[in-house]
């Protein structure tokens, strides 16, 4: 039997042993926790370094050239998706986070020549305003006149239409381009009758422009395309009595008078018939240009305007083109469908063109298919 004193000592020894064990367990537990934390930190650091490397370098995929188009008005999510779909970036969600956190210039719409597996920063340098897109498609529609093209330029270059017109019509630019394309522009140099010297010569098409392009370089691209068309039809031109300037003028009228290739060639035949008889062409297109406004329905008063472009009052083709015609209209001017018609009229509601040999037949067709009410509906 233990006395009370021995019992107390025994309890103390047991308690000390328990405390020592607990302390040892706590030390081990703390050591484990510490290693877990260190391991997690190392994992986070390695992951962060990996992500940082991927963001900076684009990853470990193969680098190759790829063309990417960023549409106008595309959202951040759409842009990230487009880039990811083309393998330019490795993760679109991380790219969106990068865009939110980074201070970057606005992304510009356009077509870019990028590389797959690119770093986010590298991609943004190419998509930003500072560097600009590799190319951006700019459409010059068929039948646009110089003023309308000037507005297209104004919208693209961020200038006024007046400034664009001034630069298009610059005497220095005309002299420079005439030296480059002498055969193409010989009819417009020193021609004081023309409202705009390059009217008819700015070939309508979709052009790829870059940040380095200017109004002047844009004009040069259109004239280069126009010269290509002229050379393409040089043999056909030799079969005609008209000059290239006159062909462009006739084509510019045909452009607006009919829409199908068949109708355009028929209309061209009518115009050749009237020219052969020294009759005014009497095209409303010429009146619109003379008045410098668009009207689907013209009046007798409209035909009285004093202008060399008024081909109701003047015979021949006038000073020059009334717009910039398409290749289809140029083909029609060069290759008219032979016919014995002298008049034509288009149904304003359907666009169908009706031809007639006499004025009486023509007048009846006009009464049937053209009215001020139809014209108003057409203009709305």
Foldseek 3Di string as FASTA:
>chain_A
DDDPVVVVVVVVVVVVVVVVVVVVVVVVVVVVVVVVVVVVVVVVVVVVVQVVCCQAALDDDDKDKDKFFDAPPDDLLRVLVRCVVVQQHVDSVVLSVVVVPDDAADFDGAMATGIHSGHSVVVRVARHPVNWGPWHKQFDDFLAWPLRVLVSQCVVVVHDSVVLLCVQQPPVLLVVVCVVVVLLQVLLVPQPQDPGSCFQQQATDIDIDTPPDDSSVSSVVRNVVSVVLCVVCVVLVVVDPDGPQQLSQQLSLLQPLADDLQVSLQLLQLLVLCLVVQHQLQGVLLLCLLVVHDFPDDDPVSLPDPGQSRSNPHTDRGSGHSHHHHSSSSVSNSRHDHDQFNDWDAQLVPRDIDTHRDVVVVVVVCVVRPDPVSRVVSVD
